Amino acid sequence: MHAPRPGRRRLLRPARIRDSLLGGLVLGNWIVLFDLHQHLLEKFPPAWVWMVLTLDYAVPALLSYFALLALPD
Protein backbone atom coordinates (compact mmCIF):
# COMPACT_ATOMS: atom_id res chain seq x y z
CA MET A 1 0.00 0.00 0.00
CA HIS A 2 1.14 3.48 -0.70
CA ALA A 3 1.01 6.38 1.70
CA PRO A 4 -1.85 8.83 1.21
CA ARG A 5 -0.99 12.04 -0.60
CA PRO A 6 -0.73 15.18 1.50
CA GLY A 7 -4.05 16.95 1.80
CA ARG A 8 -6.12 13.81 1.29
CA ARG A 9 -8.16 12.42 4.10
CA ARG A 10 -8.09 8.76 4.91
CA LEU A 11 -11.38 6.98 4.37
CA LEU A 12 -11.17 4.98 7.59
CA ARG A 13 -10.22 7.33 10.39
CA PRO A 14 -10.06 6.09 13.98
CA ALA A 15 -12.94 8.43 14.90
CA ARG A 16 -15.14 6.92 12.18
CA ILE A 17 -14.28 3.40 13.32
CA ARG A 18 -14.99 4.39 16.93
CA ASP A 19 -18.37 5.87 16.01
CA SER A 20 -19.29 2.78 14.00
CA LEU A 21 -18.38 0.51 16.89
CA LEU A 22 -20.44 2.63 19.25
CA GLY A 23 -23.45 2.57 16.93
CA GLY A 24 -23.23 -1.21 16.61
CA LEU A 25 -22.92 -1.58 20.35
CA VAL A 26 -25.96 0.56 21.06
CA LEU A 27 -28.18 -1.02 18.40
CA GLY A 28 -27.10 -4.57 19.20
CA ASN A 29 -27.65 -4.11 22.92
CA TRP A 30 -31.12 -2.65 22.43
CA ILE A 31 -32.23 -5.51 20.18
CA VAL A 32 -30.86 -8.29 22.37
CA LEU A 33 -31.90 -6.86 25.72
CA PHE A 34 -35.37 -5.86 24.56
CA ASP A 35 -35.93 -9.39 23.30
CA LEU A 36 -34.53 -10.99 26.47
CA HIS A 37 -36.62 -8.85 28.80
CA GLN A 38 -39.96 -9.14 27.01
CA HIS A 39 -41.05 -11.88 29.39
CA LEU A 40 -40.51 -9.52 32.35
CA LEU A 41 -43.31 -7.28 31.07
CA GLU A 42 -45.76 -10.14 31.57
CA LYS A 43 -44.74 -10.82 35.18
CA PHE A 44 -43.56 -7.53 36.67
CA PRO A 45 -44.67 -3.88 36.69
CA PRO A 46 -43.12 -1.61 34.03
CA ALA A 47 -41.01 0.26 36.61
CA TRP A 48 -39.14 -2.95 37.45
CA VAL A 49 -38.59 -3.70 33.77
CA TRP A 50 -37.18 -0.21 33.14
CA MET A 51 -34.88 -0.58 36.15
CA VAL A 52 -33.55 -3.89 34.81
CA LEU A 53 -33.11 -2.46 31.31
CA THR A 54 -31.26 0.53 32.75
CA LEU A 55 -28.89 -1.63 34.75
CA ASP A 56 -28.37 -4.10 31.90
CA TYR A 57 -28.10 -1.61 29.06
CA ALA A 58 -27.61 2.03 29.95
CA VAL A 59 -24.82 1.66 32.49
CA PRO A 60 -22.60 -0.63 30.34
CA ALA A 61 -23.35 1.44 27.22
CA LEU A 62 -22.30 4.66 28.95
CA LEU A 63 -19.12 3.08 30.26
CA SER A 64 -18.32 1.75 26.78
CA TYR A 65 -19.06 5.15 25.25
CA PHE A 66 -16.67 6.93 27.60
CA ALA A 67 -14.02 4.27 26.98
CA LEU A 68 -14.36 4.73 23.21
CA LEU A 69 -14.20 8.51 23.59
CA ALA A 70 -10.88 8.10 25.37
CA LEU A 71 -9.34 6.62 22.20
CA PRO A 72 -7.34 9.13 20.16
CA ASP A 73 -8.78 10.28 16.82
C-alpha atoms as a PDB file:
ATOM      1  CA  MET A   1       0.000   0.000   0.000  1.00  0.00           C
ATOM      2  CA  HIS A   2       1.144   3.476  -0.697  1.00  0.00           C
ATOM      3  CA  ALA A   3       1.008   6.380   1.702  1.00  0.00           C
ATOM      4  CA  PRO A   4      -1.849   8.831   1.214  1.00  0.00           C
ATOM      5  CA  ARG A   5      -0.987  12.039  -0.596  1.00  0.00           C
ATOM      6  CA  PRO A   6      -0.731  15.183   1.504  1.00  0.00           C
ATOM      7  CA  GLY A   7      -4.049  16.953   1.804  1.00  0.00           C
ATOM      8  CA  ARG A   8      -6.122  13.814   1.286  1.00  0.00           C
ATOM      9  CA  ARG A   9      -8.157  12.417   4.097  1.00  0.00           C
ATOM     10  CA  ARG A  10      -8.089   8.759   4.911  1.00  0.00           C
ATOM     11  CA  LEU A  11     -11.381   6.976   4.371  1.00  0.00           C
ATOM     12  CA  LEU A  12     -11.167   4.978   7.591  1.00  0.00           C
ATOM     13  CA  ARG A  13     -10.223   7.325  10.385  1.00  0.00           C
ATOM     14  CA  PRO A  14     -10.063   6.087  13.981  1.00  0.00           C
ATOM     15  CA  ALA A  15     -12.935   8.428  14.898  1.00  0.00           C
ATOM     16  CA  ARG A  16     -15.143   6.923  12.181  1.00  0.00           C
ATOM     17  CA  ILE A  17     -14.279   3.404  13.321  1.00  0.00           C
ATOM     18  CA  ARG A  18     -14.994   4.393  16.935  1.00  0.00           C
ATOM     19  CA  ASP A  19     -18.366   5.870  16.014  1.00  0.00           C
ATOM     20  CA  SER A  20     -19.287   2.776  13.998  1.00  0.00           C
ATOM     21  CA  LEU A  21     -18.383   0.506  16.894  1.00  0.00           C
ATOM     22  CA  LEU A  22     -20.438   2.626  19.251  1.00  0.00           C
ATOM     23  CA  GLY A  23     -23.452   2.566  16.928  1.00  0.00           C
ATOM     24  CA  GLY A  24     -23.235  -1.211  16.608  1.00  0.00           C
ATOM     25  CA  LEU A  25     -22.916  -1.583  20.350  1.00  0.00           C
ATOM     26  CA  VAL A  26     -25.958   0.556  21.055  1.00  0.00           C
ATOM     27  CA  LEU A  27     -28.178  -1.016  18.400  1.00  0.00           C
ATOM     28  CA  GLY A  28     -27.096  -4.566  19.202  1.00  0.00           C
ATOM     29  CA  ASN A  29     -27.655  -4.115  22.916  1.00  0.00           C
ATOM     30  CA  TRP A  30     -31.116  -2.653  22.429  1.00  0.00           C
ATOM     31  CA  ILE A  31     -32.230  -5.508  20.175  1.00  0.00           C
ATOM     32  CA  VAL A  32     -30.857  -8.293  22.370  1.00  0.00           C
ATOM     33  CA  LEU A  33     -31.902  -6.865  25.724  1.00  0.00           C
ATOM     34  CA  PHE A  34     -35.369  -5.862  24.565  1.00  0.00           C
ATOM     35  CA  ASP A  35     -35.928  -9.395  23.301  1.00  0.00           C
ATOM     36  CA  LEU A  36     -34.531 -10.991  26.467  1.00  0.00           C
ATOM     37  CA  HIS A  37     -36.621  -8.853  28.802  1.00  0.00           C
ATOM     38  CA  GLN A  38     -39.958  -9.138  27.008  1.00  0.00           C
ATOM     39  CA  HIS A  39     -41.053 -11.880  29.394  1.00  0.00           C
ATOM     40  CA  LEU A  40     -40.506  -9.520  32.345  1.00  0.00           C
ATOM     41  CA  LEU A  41     -43.309  -7.283  31.073  1.00  0.00           C
ATOM     42  CA  GLU A  42     -45.763 -10.136  31.571  1.00  0.00           C
ATOM     43  CA  LYS A  43     -44.739 -10.823  35.184  1.00  0.00           C
ATOM     44  CA  PHE A  44     -43.561  -7.526  36.673  1.00  0.00           C
ATOM     45  CA  PRO A  45     -44.670  -3.879  36.690  1.00  0.00           C
ATOM     46  CA  PRO A  46     -43.117  -1.611  34.028  1.00  0.00           C
ATOM     47  CA  ALA A  47     -41.014   0.262  36.612  1.00  0.00           C
ATOM     48  CA  TRP A  48     -39.138  -2.948  37.446  1.00  0.00           C
ATOM     49  CA  VAL A  49     -38.593  -3.702  33.766  1.00  0.00           C
ATOM     50  CA  TRP A  50     -37.181  -0.213  33.139  1.00  0.00           C
ATOM     51  CA  MET A  51     -34.882  -0.582  36.147  1.00  0.00           C
ATOM     52  CA  VAL A  52     -33.555  -3.895  34.812  1.00  0.00           C
ATOM     53  CA  LEU A  53     -33.114  -2.457  31.309  1.00  0.00           C
ATOM     54  CA  THR A  54     -31.264   0.532  32.747  1.00  0.00           C
ATOM     55  CA  LEU A  55     -28.887  -1.633  34.751  1.00  0.00           C
ATOM     56  CA  ASP A  56     -28.370  -4.104  31.897  1.00  0.00           C
ATOM     57  CA  TYR A  57     -28.103  -1.613  29.062  1.00  0.00           C
ATOM     58  CA  ALA A  58     -27.609   2.035  29.953  1.00  0.00           C
ATOM     59  CA  VAL A  59     -24.824   1.655  32.493  1.00  0.00           C
ATOM     60  CA  PRO A  60     -22.597  -0.628  30.339  1.00  0.00           C
ATOM     61  CA  ALA A  61     -23.348   1.437  27.222  1.00  0.00           C
ATOM     62  CA  LEU A  62     -22.305   4.663  28.953  1.00  0.00           C
ATOM     63  CA  LEU A  63     -19.119   3.078  30.259  1.00  0.00           C
ATOM     64  CA  SER A  64     -18.317   1.747  26.776  1.00  0.00           C
ATOM     65  CA  TYR A  65     -19.064   5.146  25.251  1.00  0.00           C
ATOM     66  CA  PHE A  66     -16.666   6.925  27.603  1.00  0.00           C
ATOM     67  CA  ALA A  67     -14.018   4.266  26.979  1.00  0.00           C
ATOM     68  CA  LEU A  68     -14.361   4.726  23.208  1.00  0.00           C
ATOM     69  CA  LEU A  69     -14.197   8.507  23.587  1.00  0.00           C
ATOM     70  CA  ALA A  70     -10.877   8.102  25.367  1.00  0.00           C
ATOM     71  CA  LEU A  71      -9.340   6.624  22.201  1.00  0.00           C
ATOM     72  CA  PRO A  72      -7.345   9.133  20.155  1.00  0.00           C
ATOM     73  CA  ASP A  73      -8.778  10.279  16.820  1.00  0.00           C
END
